[in-house]
Amino acid sequence: MNAGIPLYLFLILATIMFFTGIYGFLTRRNLITILMSVELILNSVNINFMAFNRYLFPDRLEGMFFSLFIIAVAASEAAVAIAIIINIYRRFTTINVEDVNEMKY
């Protein structure tokens, strides 16, 4: 019998984080807050991987390796996104999505 935190509490936390990220992604107009919302979504997926790994296969580490992979992808995604945001700011002097209306350099 596991005396730790029940699985449903992890799932509730991950669900709240996921839908908060979706809400922020759909409603915000600032590129930095949109990037933060995407990171929140990826972290909710990490919580699910780790929680299901802990409760389904406590002696194996597949969920942990998936989470490390997602963290590496999220870090590279954030670096590329910040570089793009910096270039957009240099070009348009704003980071609001509605003010960026052309794609050519």
PDB file of N, CA and C in Angstrom:
ATOM      1  N   MET A   1       0.841  -1.179   0.000  1.00  0.00           N
ATOM      2  CA  MET A   1       0.000   0.000   0.000  1.00  0.00           C
ATOM      3  C   MET A   1       0.881   1.234   0.000  1.00  0.00           C
ATOM      4  N   ASN A   2       0.597   2.148  -0.914  1.00  0.00           N
ATOM      5  CA  ASN A   2       1.362   3.376  -1.046  1.00  0.00           C
ATOM      6  C   ASN A   2       0.756   4.443  -0.142  1.00  0.00           C
ATOM      7  N   ALA A   3       1.579   5.034   0.728  1.00  0.00           N
ATOM      8  CA  ALA A   3       1.083   6.039   1.671  1.00  0.00           C
ATOM      9  C   ALA A   3       1.347   7.457   1.179  1.00  0.00           C
ATOM     10  N   GLY A   4       1.712   7.608  -0.093  1.00  0.00           N
ATOM     11  CA  GLY A   4       2.038   8.925  -0.638  1.00  0.00           C
ATOM     12  C   GLY A   4       0.799   9.688  -1.070  1.00  0.00           C
ATOM     13  N   ILE A   5       1.012  10.662  -1.896  1.00  0.00           N
ATOM     14  CA  ILE A   5      -0.068  11.498  -2.419  1.00  0.00           C
ATOM     15  C   ILE A   5      -0.854  10.699  -3.461  1.00  0.00           C
ATOM     16  N   PRO A   6      -2.183  10.730  -3.385  1.00  0.00           N
ATOM     17  CA  PRO A   6      -2.974   9.960  -4.360  1.00  0.00           C
ATOM     18  C   PRO A   6      -2.815  10.504  -5.785  1.00  0.00           C
ATOM     19  N   LEU A   7      -3.019   9.615  -6.743  1.00  0.00           N
ATOM     20  CA  LEU A   7      -2.832   9.946  -8.151  1.00  0.00           C
ATOM     21  C   LEU A   7      -3.778  11.041  -8.617  1.00  0.00           C
ATOM     22  N   TYR A   8      -4.999  11.036  -8.125  1.00  0.00           N
ATOM     23  CA  TYR A   8      -5.970  12.004  -8.628  1.00  0.00           C
ATOM     24  C   TYR A   8      -5.574  13.439  -8.285  1.00  0.00           C
ATOM     25  N   LEU A   9      -4.827  13.660  -7.221  1.00  0.00           N
ATOM     26  CA  LEU A   9      -4.378  15.017  -6.904  1.00  0.00           C
ATOM     27  C   LEU A   9      -3.356  15.517  -7.921  1.00  0.00           C
ATOM     28  N   PHE A  10      -2.478  14.627  -8.377  1.00  0.00           N
ATOM     29  CA  PHE A  10      -1.551  14.997  -9.441  1.00  0.00           C
ATOM     30  C   PHE A  10      -2.298  15.299 -10.737  1.00  0.00           C
ATOM     31  N   LEU A  11      -3.304  14.502 -11.028  1.00  0.00           N
ATOM     32  CA  LEU A  11      -4.078  14.719 -12.258  1.00  0.00           C
ATOM     33  C   LEU A  11      -4.880  16.007 -12.198  1.00  0.00           C
ATOM     34  N   ILE A  12      -5.410  16.337 -11.031  1.00  0.00           N
ATOM     35  CA  ILE A  12      -6.128  17.608 -10.884  1.00  0.00           C
ATOM     36  C   ILE A  12      -5.173  18.780 -11.079  1.00  0.00           C
ATOM     37  N   LEU A  13      -3.997  18.711 -10.469  1.00  0.00           N
ATOM     38  CA  LEU A  13      -3.002  19.777 -10.625  1.00  0.00           C
ATOM     39  C   LEU A  13      -2.590  19.932 -12.090  1.00  0.00           C
ATOM     40  N   ALA A  14      -2.309  18.817 -12.754  1.00  0.00           N
ATOM     41  CA  ALA A  14      -1.900  18.873 -14.160  1.00  0.00           C
ATOM     42  C   ALA A  14      -3.028  19.404 -15.041  1.00  0.00           C
ATOM     43  N   THR A  15      -4.271  19.051 -14.747  1.00  0.00           N
ATOM     44  CA  THR A  15      -5.402  19.547 -15.529  1.00  0.00           C
ATOM     45  C   THR A  15      -5.567  21.048 -15.361  1.00  0.00           C
ATOM     46  N   ILE A  16      -5.448  21.528 -14.120  1.00  0.00           N
ATOM     47  CA  ILE A  16      -5.546  22.974 -13.879  1.00  0.00           C
ATOM     48  C   ILE A  16      -4.426  23.710 -14.608  1.00  0.00           C
ATOM     49  N   MET A  17      -3.212  23.174 -14.534  1.00  0.00           N
ATOM     50  CA  MET A  17      -2.092  23.816 -15.230  1.00  0.00           C
ATOM     51  C   MET A  17      -2.299  23.809 -16.743  1.00  0.00           C
ATOM     52  N   PHE A  18      -2.779  22.684 -17.274  1.00  0.00           N
ATOM     53  CA  PHE A  18      -2.971  22.562 -18.722  1.00  0.00           C
ATOM     54  C   PHE A  18      -4.004  23.566 -19.228  1.00  0.00           C
ATOM     55  N   PHE A  19      -5.152  23.626 -18.564  1.00  0.00           N
ATOM     56  CA  PHE A  19      -6.190  24.522 -19.049  1.00  0.00           C
ATOM     57  C   PHE A  19      -5.881  25.987 -18.758  1.00  0.00           C
ATOM     58  N   THR A  20      -5.097  26.261 -17.731  1.00  0.00           N
ATOM     59  CA  THR A  20      -4.610  27.623 -17.521  1.00  0.00           C
ATOM     60  C   THR A  20      -3.681  28.023 -18.666  1.00  0.00           C
ATOM     61  N   GLY A  21      -2.826  27.103 -19.098  1.00  0.00           N
ATOM     62  CA  GLY A  21      -1.952  27.360 -20.236  1.00  0.00           C
ATOM     63  C   GLY A  21      -2.729  27.554 -21.523  1.00  0.00           C
ATOM     64  N   ILE A  22      -3.755  26.742 -21.754  1.00  0.00           N
ATOM     65  CA  ILE A  22      -4.590  26.889 -22.944  1.00  0.00           C
ATOM     66  C   ILE A  22      -5.307  28.240 -22.924  1.00  0.00           C
ATOM     67  N   TYR A  23      -5.848  28.610 -21.765  1.00  0.00           N
ATOM     68  CA  TYR A  23      -6.530  29.899 -21.641  1.00  0.00           C
ATOM     69  C   TYR A  23      -5.566  31.055 -21.910  1.00  0.00           C
ATOM     70  N   GLY A  24      -4.380  30.984 -21.334  1.00  0.00           N
ATOM     71  CA  GLY A  24      -3.389  32.033 -21.561  1.00  0.00           C
ATOM     72  C   GLY A  24      -2.940  32.099 -23.001  1.00  0.00           C
ATOM     73  N   PHE A  25      -2.806  30.956 -23.633  1.00  0.00           N
ATOM     74  CA  PHE A  25      -2.394  30.923 -25.040  1.00  0.00           C
ATOM     75  C   PHE A  25      -3.443  31.547 -25.951  1.00  0.00           C
ATOM     76  N   LEU A  26      -4.701  31.298 -25.659  1.00  0.00           N
ATOM     77  CA  LEU A  26      -5.766  31.777 -26.534  1.00  0.00           C
ATOM     78  C   LEU A  26      -6.169  33.224 -26.271  1.00  0.00           C
ATOM     79  N   THR A  27      -5.948  33.724 -25.056  1.00  0.00           N
ATOM     80  CA  THR A  27      -6.461  35.059 -24.725  1.00  0.00           C
ATOM     81  C   THR A  27      -5.393  36.137 -24.692  1.00  0.00           C
ATOM     82  N   ARG A  28      -4.152  35.804 -24.504  1.00  0.00           N
ATOM     83  CA  ARG A  28      -3.110  36.828 -24.378  1.00  0.00           C
ATOM     84  C   ARG A  28      -2.650  37.303 -25.745  1.00  0.00           C
ATOM     85  N   ARG A  29      -2.189  38.529 -25.785  1.00  0.00           N
ATOM     86  CA  ARG A  29      -1.706  39.122 -27.025  1.00  0.00           C
ATOM     87  C   ARG A  29      -0.211  39.396 -26.999  1.00  0.00           C
ATOM     88  N   ASN A  30       0.417  39.214 -25.869  1.00  0.00           N
ATOM     89  CA  ASN A  30       1.847  39.449 -25.725  1.00  0.00           C
ATOM     90  C   ASN A  30       2.593  38.150 -26.021  1.00  0.00           C
ATOM     91  N   LEU A  31       3.635  38.208 -26.820  1.00  0.00           N
ATOM     92  CA  LEU A  31       4.353  36.991 -27.214  1.00  0.00           C
ATOM     93  C   LEU A  31       5.041  36.306 -26.030  1.00  0.00           C
ATOM     94  N   ILE A  32       5.510  37.076 -25.064  1.00  0.00           N
ATOM     95  CA  ILE A  32       6.162  36.477 -23.898  1.00  0.00           C
ATOM     96  C   ILE A  32       5.155  35.686 -23.064  1.00  0.00           C
ATOM     97  N   THR A  33       3.961  36.221 -22.857  1.00  0.00           N
ATOM     98  CA  THR A  33       2.965  35.483 -22.081  1.00  0.00           C
ATOM     99  C   THR A  33       2.451  34.265 -22.842  1.00  0.00           C
ATOM    100  N   ILE A  34       2.419  34.344 -24.152  1.00  0.00           N
ATOM    101  CA  ILE A  34       2.048  33.164 -24.938  1.00  0.00           C
ATOM    102  C   ILE A  34       3.112  32.077 -24.780  1.00  0.00           C
ATOM    103  N   LEU A  35       4.374  32.469 -24.794  1.00  0.00           N
ATOM    104  CA  LEU A  35       5.459  31.510 -24.581  1.00  0.00           C
ATOM    105  C   LEU A  35       5.379  30.891 -23.184  1.00  0.00           C
ATOM    106  N   MET A  36       5.062  31.698 -22.186  1.00  0.00           N
ATOM    107  CA  MET A  36       4.919  31.164 -20.829  1.00  0.00           C
ATOM    108  C   MET A  36       3.746  30.192 -20.739  1.00  0.00           C
ATOM    109  N   SER A  37       2.688  30.451 -21.478  1.00  0.00           N
ATOM    110  CA  SER A  37       1.540  29.539 -21.488  1.00  0.00           C
ATOM    111  C   SER A  37       1.907  28.201 -22.112  1.00  0.00           C
ATOM    112  N   VAL A  38       2.694  28.228 -23.172  1.00  0.00           N
ATOM    113  CA  VAL A  38       3.144  26.974 -23.793  1.00  0.00           C
ATOM    114  C   VAL A  38       4.028  26.192 -22.817  1.00  0.00           C
ATOM    115  N   GLU A  39       4.886  26.878 -22.095  1.00  0.00           N
ATOM    116  CA  GLU A  39       5.727  26.212 -21.093  1.00  0.00           C
ATOM    117  C   GLU A  39       4.876  25.601 -19.983  1.00  0.00           C
ATOM    118  N   LEU A  40       3.809  26.278 -19.593  1.00  0.00           N
ATOM    119  CA  LEU A  40       2.905  25.744 -18.576  1.00  0.00           C
ATOM    120  C   LEU A  40       2.230  24.468 -19.066  1.00  0.00           C
ATOM    121  N   ILE A  41       1.850  24.433 -20.336  1.00  0.00           N
ATOM    122  CA  ILE A  41       1.247  23.231 -20.912  1.00  0.00           C
ATOM    123  C   ILE A  41       2.252  22.081 -20.906  1.00  0.00           C
ATOM    124  N   LEU A  42       3.485  22.353 -21.305  1.00  0.00           N
ATOM    125  CA  LEU A  42       4.501  21.298 -21.325  1.00  0.00           C
ATOM    126  C   LEU A  42       4.806  20.780 -19.920  1.00  0.00           C
ATOM    127  N   ASN A  43       4.804  21.656 -18.929  1.00  0.00           N
ATOM    128  CA  ASN A  43       5.050  21.207 -17.562  1.00  0.00           C
ATOM    129  C   ASN A  43       3.895  20.381 -17.012  1.00  0.00           C
ATOM    130  N   SER A  44       2.676  20.658 -17.438  1.00  0.00           N
ATOM    131  CA  SER A  44       1.559  19.816 -17.007  1.00  0.00           C
ATOM    132  C   SER A  44       1.686  18.406 -17.590  1.00  0.00           C
ATOM    133  N   VAL A  45       2.198  18.317 -18.807  1.00  0.00           N
ATOM    134  CA  VAL A  45       2.444  17.000 -19.399  1.00  0.00           C
ATOM    135  C   VAL A  45       3.534  16.264 -18.616  1.00  0.00           C
ATOM    136  N   ASN A  46       4.557  16.997 -18.181  1.00  0.00           N
ATOM    137  CA  ASN A  46       5.603  16.379 -17.363  1.00  0.00           C
ATOM    138  C   ASN A  46       5.042  15.821 -16.066  1.00  0.00           C
ATOM    139  N   ILE A  47       4.148  16.541 -15.423  1.00  0.00           N
ATOM    140  CA  ILE A  47       3.537  16.044 -14.188  1.00  0.00           C
ATOM    141  C   ILE A  47       2.773  14.760 -14.458  1.00  0.00           C
ATOM    142  N   ASN A  48       2.053  14.702 -15.572  1.00  0.00           N
ATOM    143  CA  ASN A  48       1.324  13.472 -15.905  1.00  0.00           C
ATOM    144  C   ASN A  48       2.270  12.304 -16.140  1.00  0.00           C
ATOM    145  N   PHE A  49       3.350  12.532 -16.895  1.00  0.00           N
ATOM    146  CA  PHE A  49       4.306  11.457 -17.134  1.00  0.00           C
ATOM    147  C   PHE A  49       4.876  10.920 -15.821  1.00  0.00           C
ATOM    148  N   MET A  50       5.276  11.799 -14.946  1.00  0.00           N
ATOM    149  CA  MET A  50       5.891  11.361 -13.700  1.00  0.00           C
ATOM    150  C   MET A  50       4.879  10.694 -12.770  1.00  0.00           C
ATOM    151  N   ALA A  51       3.672  11.220 -12.720  1.00  0.00           N
ATOM    152  CA  ALA A  51       2.664  10.629 -11.841  1.00  0.00           C
ATOM    153  C   ALA A  51       2.270   9.235 -12.313  1.00  0.00           C
ATOM    154  N   PHE A  52       2.023   9.084 -13.606  1.00  0.00           N
ATOM    155  CA  PHE A  52       1.648   7.762 -14.102  1.00  0.00           C
ATOM    156  C   PHE A  52       2.808   6.780 -14.003  1.00  0.00           C
ATOM    157  N   ASN A  53       4.023   7.254 -14.206  1.00  0.00           N
ATOM    158  CA  ASN A  53       5.170   6.369 -14.047  1.00  0.00           C
ATOM    159  C   ASN A  53       5.294   5.904 -12.607  1.00  0.00           C
ATOM    160  N   ARG A  54       5.092   6.790 -11.669  1.00  0.00           N
ATOM    161  CA  ARG A  54       5.237   6.444 -10.243  1.00  0.00           C
ATOM    162  C   ARG A  54       4.174   5.455  -9.795  1.00  0.00           C
ATOM    163  N   TYR A  55       2.944   5.618 -10.307  1.00  0.00           N
ATOM    164  CA  TYR A  55       1.858   4.762  -9.845  1.00  0.00           C
ATOM    165  C   TYR A  55       1.687   3.490 -10.662  1.00  0.00           C
ATOM    166  N   LEU A  56       2.077   3.481 -11.925  1.00  0.00           N
ATOM    167  CA  LEU A  56       1.924   2.269 -12.730  1.00  0.00           C
ATOM    168  C   LEU A  56       3.167   1.397 -12.699  1.00  0.00           C
ATOM    169  N   PHE A  57       4.337   2.019 -12.784  1.00  0.00           N
ATOM    170  CA  PHE A  57       5.600   1.278 -12.823  1.00  0.00           C
ATOM    171  C   PHE A  57       6.580   1.901 -11.828  1.00  0.00           C
ATOM    172  N   PRO A  58       6.408   1.671 -10.544  1.00  0.00           N
ATOM    173  CA  PRO A  58       7.259   2.364  -9.560  1.00  0.00           C
ATOM    174  C   PRO A  58       8.725   1.954  -9.617  1.00  0.00           C
ATOM    175  N   ASP A  59       9.041   0.802 -10.183  1.00  0.00           N
ATOM    176  CA  ASP A  59      10.431   0.348 -10.216  1.00  0.00           C
ATOM    177  C   ASP A  59      11.145   0.692 -11.523  1.00  0.00           C
ATOM    178  N   ARG A  60      10.429   1.284 -12.490  1.00  0.00           N
ATOM    179  CA  ARG A  60      11.042   1.653 -13.768  1.00  0.00           C
ATOM    180  C   ARG A  60      10.982   3.165 -13.965  1.00  0.00           C
ATOM    181  N   LEU A  61      11.818   3.681 -14.842  1.00  0.00           N
ATOM    182  CA  LEU A  61      11.972   5.123 -14.964  1.00  0.00           C
ATOM    183  C   LEU A  61      11.601   5.677 -16.333  1.00  0.00           C
ATOM    184  N   GLU A  62      10.696   5.038 -17.064  1.00  0.00           N
ATOM    185  CA  GLU A  62      10.363   5.533 -18.395  1.00  0.00           C
ATOM    186  C   GLU A  62       9.745   6.924 -18.346  1.00  0.00           C
ATOM    187  N   GLY A  63       8.857   7.173 -17.408  1.00  0.00           N
ATOM    188  CA  GLY A  63       8.235   8.486 -17.298  1.00  0.00           C
ATOM    189  C   GLY A  63       9.238   9.574 -16.992  1.00  0.00           C
ATOM    190  N   MET A  64      10.248   9.237 -16.204  1.00  0.00           N
ATOM    191  CA  MET A  64      11.279  10.223 -15.877  1.00  0.00           C
ATOM    192  C   MET A  64      12.102  10.576 -17.119  1.00  0.00           C
ATOM    193  N   PHE A  65      12.407   9.585 -17.952  1.00  0.00           N
ATOM    194  CA  PHE A  65      13.174   9.857 -19.160  1.00  0.00           C
ATOM    195  C   PHE A  65      12.366  10.669 -20.165  1.00  0.00           C
ATOM    196  N   PHE A  66      11.060  10.374 -20.278  1.00  0.00           N
ATOM    197  CA  PHE A  66      10.202  11.192 -21.130  1.00  0.00           C
ATOM    198  C   PHE A  66      10.184  12.639 -20.635  1.00  0.00           C
ATOM    199  N   SER A  67      10.121  12.814 -19.321  1.00  0.00           N
ATOM    200  CA  SER A  67      10.099  14.162 -18.759  1.00  0.00           C
ATOM    201  C   SER A  67      11.408  14.896 -19.025  1.00  0.00           C
ATOM    202  N   LEU A  68      12.531  14.212 -18.912  1.00  0.00           N
ATOM    203  CA  LEU A  68      13.805  14.849 -19.227  1.00  0.00           C
ATOM    204  C   LEU A  68      13.877  15.243 -20.703  1.00  0.00           C
ATOM    205  N   PHE A  69      13.343  14.411 -21.563  1.00  0.00           N
ATOM    206  CA  PHE A  69      13.301  14.735 -22.985  1.00  0.00           C
ATOM    207  C   PHE A  69      12.428  15.959 -23.232  1.00  0.00           C
ATOM    208  N   ILE A  70      11.282  16.025 -22.577  1.00  0.00           N
ATOM    209  CA  ILE A  70      10.390  17.171 -22.752  1.00  0.00           C
ATOM    210  C   ILE A  70      11.032  18.436 -22.210  1.00  0.00           C
ATOM    211  N   ILE A  71      11.748  18.352 -21.103  1.00  0.00           N
ATOM    212  CA  ILE A  71      12.433  19.518 -20.554  1.00  0.00           C
ATOM    213  C   ILE A  71      13.494  20.010 -21.534  1.00  0.00           C
ATOM    214  N   ALA A  72      14.226  19.091 -22.151  1.00  0.00           N
ATOM    215  CA  ALA A  72      15.243  19.490 -23.133  1.00  0.00           C
ATOM    216  C   ALA A  72      14.597  20.143 -24.351  1.00  0.00           C
ATOM    217  N   VAL A  73      13.496  19.579 -24.836  1.00  0.00           N
ATOM    218  CA  VAL A  73      12.800  20.164 -25.978  1.00  0.00           C
ATOM    219  C   VAL A  73      12.215  21.533 -25.606  1.00  0.00           C
ATOM    220  N   ALA A  74      11.672  21.653 -24.401  1.00  0.00           N
ATOM    221  CA  ALA A  74      11.094  22.928 -23.967  1.00  0.00           C
ATOM    222  C   ALA A  74      12.173  23.999 -23.826  1.00  0.00           C
ATOM    223  N   ALA A  75      13.342  23.619 -23.353  1.00  0.00           N
ATOM    224  CA  ALA A  75      14.432  24.595 -23.228  1.00  0.00           C
ATOM    225  C   ALA A  75      14.889  25.079 -24.596  1.00  0.00           C
ATOM    226  N   SER A  76      15.026  24.170 -25.544  1.00  0.00           N
ATOM    227  CA  SER A  76      15.430  24.595 -26.891  1.00  0.00           C
ATOM    228  C   SER A  76      14.321  25.392 -27.563  1.00  0.00           C
ATOM    229  N   GLU A  77      13.080  25.015 -27.325  1.00  0.00           N
ATOM    230  CA  GLU A  77      11.950  25.763 -27.878  1.00  0.00           C
ATOM    231  C   GLU A  77      11.907  27.175 -27.309  1.00  0.00           C
ATOM    232  N   ALA A  78      12.168  27.309 -26.019  1.00  0.00           N
ATOM    233  CA  ALA A  78      12.167  28.638 -25.403  1.00  0.00           C
ATOM    234  C   ALA A  78      13.296  29.494 -25.953  1.00  0.00           C
ATOM    235  N   ALA A  79      14.464  28.911 -26.174  1.00  0.00           N
ATOM    236  CA  ALA A  79      15.593  29.677 -26.711  1.00  0.00           C
ATOM    237  C   ALA A  79      15.288  30.169 -28.127  1.00  0.00           C
ATOM    238  N   VAL A  80      14.728  29.313 -28.953  1.00  0.00           N
ATOM    239  CA  VAL A  80      14.383  29.708 -30.322  1.00  0.00           C
ATOM    240  C   VAL A  80      13.262  30.746 -30.310  1.00  0.00           C
ATOM    241  N   ALA A  81      12.265  30.548 -29.461  1.00  0.00           N
ATOM    242  CA  ALA A  81      11.143  31.488 -29.405  1.00  0.00           C
ATOM    243  C   ALA A  81      11.596  32.856 -28.916  1.00  0.00           C
ATOM    244  N   ILE A  82      12.477  32.905 -27.936  1.00  0.00           N
ATOM    245  CA  ILE A  82      12.970  34.197 -27.449  1.00  0.00           C
ATOM    246  C   ILE A  82      13.800  34.889 -28.529  1.00  0.00           C
ATOM    247  N   ALA A  83      14.573  34.125 -29.284  1.00  0.00           N
ATOM    248  CA  ALA A  83      15.322  34.724 -30.392  1.00  0.00           C
ATOM    249  C   ALA A  83      14.376  35.304 -31.439  1.00  0.00           C
ATOM    250  N   ILE A  84      13.309  34.604 -31.745  1.00  0.00           N
ATOM    251  CA  ILE A  84      12.325  35.116 -32.697  1.00  0.00           C
ATOM    252  C   ILE A  84      11.641  36.360 -32.148  1.00  0.00           C
ATOM    253  N   ILE A  85      11.301  36.341 -30.857  1.00  0.00           N
ATOM    254  CA  ILE A  85      10.650  37.497 -30.242  1.00  0.00           C
ATOM    255  C   ILE A  85      11.577  38.712 -30.261  1.00  0.00           C
ATOM    256  N   ILE A  86      12.861  38.513 -30.013  1.00  0.00           N
ATOM    257  CA  ILE A  86      13.822  39.617 -30.063  1.00  0.00           C
ATOM    258  C   ILE A  86      13.897  40.190 -31.469  1.00  0.00           C
ATOM    259  N   ASN A  87      13.910  39.326 -32.483  1.00  0.00           N
ATOM    260  CA  ASN A  87      13.929  39.818 -33.867  1.00  0.00           C
ATOM    261  C   ASN A  87      12.643  40.556 -34.226  1.00  0.00           C
ATOM    262  N   ILE A  88      11.515  40.076 -33.744  1.00  0.00           N
ATOM    263  CA  ILE A  88      10.245  40.773 -33.983  1.00  0.00           C
ATOM    264  C   ILE A  88      10.264  42.136 -33.308  1.00  0.00           C
ATOM    265  N   TYR A  89      10.799  42.197 -32.091  1.00  0.00           N
ATOM    266  CA  TYR A  89      10.864  43.489 -31.393  1.00  0.00           C
ATOM    267  C   TYR A  89      11.781  44.474 -32.121  1.00  0.00           C
ATOM    268  N   ARG A  90      12.892  43.983 -32.636  1.00  0.00           N
ATOM    269  CA  ARG A  90      13.798  44.857 -33.391  1.00  0.00           C
ATOM    270  C   ARG A  90      13.134  45.393 -34.661  1.00  0.00           C
ATOM    271  N   ARG A  91      12.325  44.581 -35.266  1.00  0.00           N
ATOM    272  CA  ARG A  91      11.686  44.982 -36.531  1.00  0.00           C
ATOM    273  C   ARG A  91      10.495  45.897 -36.315  1.00  0.00           C
ATOM    274  N   PHE A  92       9.631  45.547 -35.342  1.00  0.00           N
ATOM    275  CA  PHE A  92       8.373  46.266 -35.156  1.00  0.00           C
ATOM    276  C   PHE A  92       8.318  47.111 -33.891  1.00  0.00           C
ATOM    277  N   THR A  93       9.290  47.021 -33.023  1.00  0.00           N
ATOM    278  CA  THR A  93       9.359  47.682 -31.705  1.00  0.00           C
ATOM    279  C   THR A  93       8.141  47.396 -30.838  1.00  0.00           C
ATOM    280  N   THR A  94       7.574  46.230 -30.980  1.00  0.00           N
ATOM    281  CA  THR A  94       6.492  45.773 -30.124  1.00  0.00           C
ATOM    282  C   THR A  94       6.505  44.247 -30.115  1.00  0.00           C
ATOM    283  N   ILE A  95       5.923  43.670 -29.060  1.00  0.00           N
ATOM    284  CA  ILE A  95       5.806  42.212 -29.018  1.00  0.00           C
ATOM    285  C   ILE A  95       4.346  41.779 -28.906  1.00  0.00           C
ATOM    286  N   ASN A  96       3.434  42.686 -29.251  1.00  0.00           N
ATOM    287  CA  ASN A  96       2.025  42.326 -29.288  1.00  0.00           C
ATOM    288  C   ASN A  96       1.718  41.627 -30.597  1.00  0.00           C
ATOM    289  N   VAL A  97       0.948  40.568 -30.506  1.00  0.00           N
ATOM    290  CA  VAL A  97       0.651  39.734 -31.672  1.00  0.00           C
ATOM    291  C   VAL A  97      -0.131  40.522 -32.715  1.00  0.00           C
ATOM    292  N   GLU A  98      -1.044  41.371 -32.284  1.00  0.00           N
ATOM    293  CA  GLU A  98      -1.898  42.094 -33.229  1.00  0.00           C
ATOM    294  C   GLU A  98      -1.131  43.142 -34.027  1.00  0.00           C
ATOM    295  N   ASP A  99      -0.016  43.634 -33.485  1.00  0.00           N
ATOM    296  CA  ASP A  99       0.745  44.668 -34.180  1.00  0.00           C
ATOM    297  C   ASP A  99       1.718  44.101 -35.207  1.00  0.00           C
ATOM    298  N   VAL A 100       1.981  42.817 -35.150  1.00  0.00           N
ATOM    299  CA  VAL A 100       2.878  42.181 -36.113  1.00  0.00           C
ATOM    300  C   VAL A 100       2.009  41.622 -37.234  1.00  0.00           C
ATOM    301  N   ASN A 101       2.005  42.298 -38.388  1.00  0.00           N
ATOM    302  CA  ASN A 101       1.062  41.902 -39.431  1.00  0.00           C
ATOM    303  C   ASN A 101       1.738  41.544 -40.750  1.00  0.00           C
ATOM    304  N   GLU A 102       3.047  41.509 -40.793  1.00  0.00           N
ATOM    305  CA  GLU A 102       3.712  41.082 -42.029  1.00  0.00           C
ATOM    306  C   GLU A 102       4.837  40.120 -41.679  1.00  0.00           C
ATOM    307  N   MET A 103       5.070  39.184 -42.594  1.00  0.00           N
ATOM    308  CA  MET A 103       6.030  38.129 -42.335  1.00  0.00           C
ATOM    309  C   MET A 103       7.351  38.345 -43.044  1.00  0.00           C
ATOM    310  N   LYS A 104       7.444  39.278 -43.973  1.00  0.00           N
ATOM    311  CA  LYS A 104       8.698  39.454 -44.684  1.00  0.00           C
ATOM    312  C   LYS A 104       9.686  40.261 -43.854  1.00  0.00           C
ATOM    313  N   TYR A 105      10.945  40.068 -44.106  1.00  0.00           N
ATOM    314  CA  TYR A 105      12.001  40.704 -43.333  1.00  0.00           C
ATOM    315  C   TYR A 105      12.329  42.072 -43.835  1.00  0.00           C
TER     316      TYR A 105
END
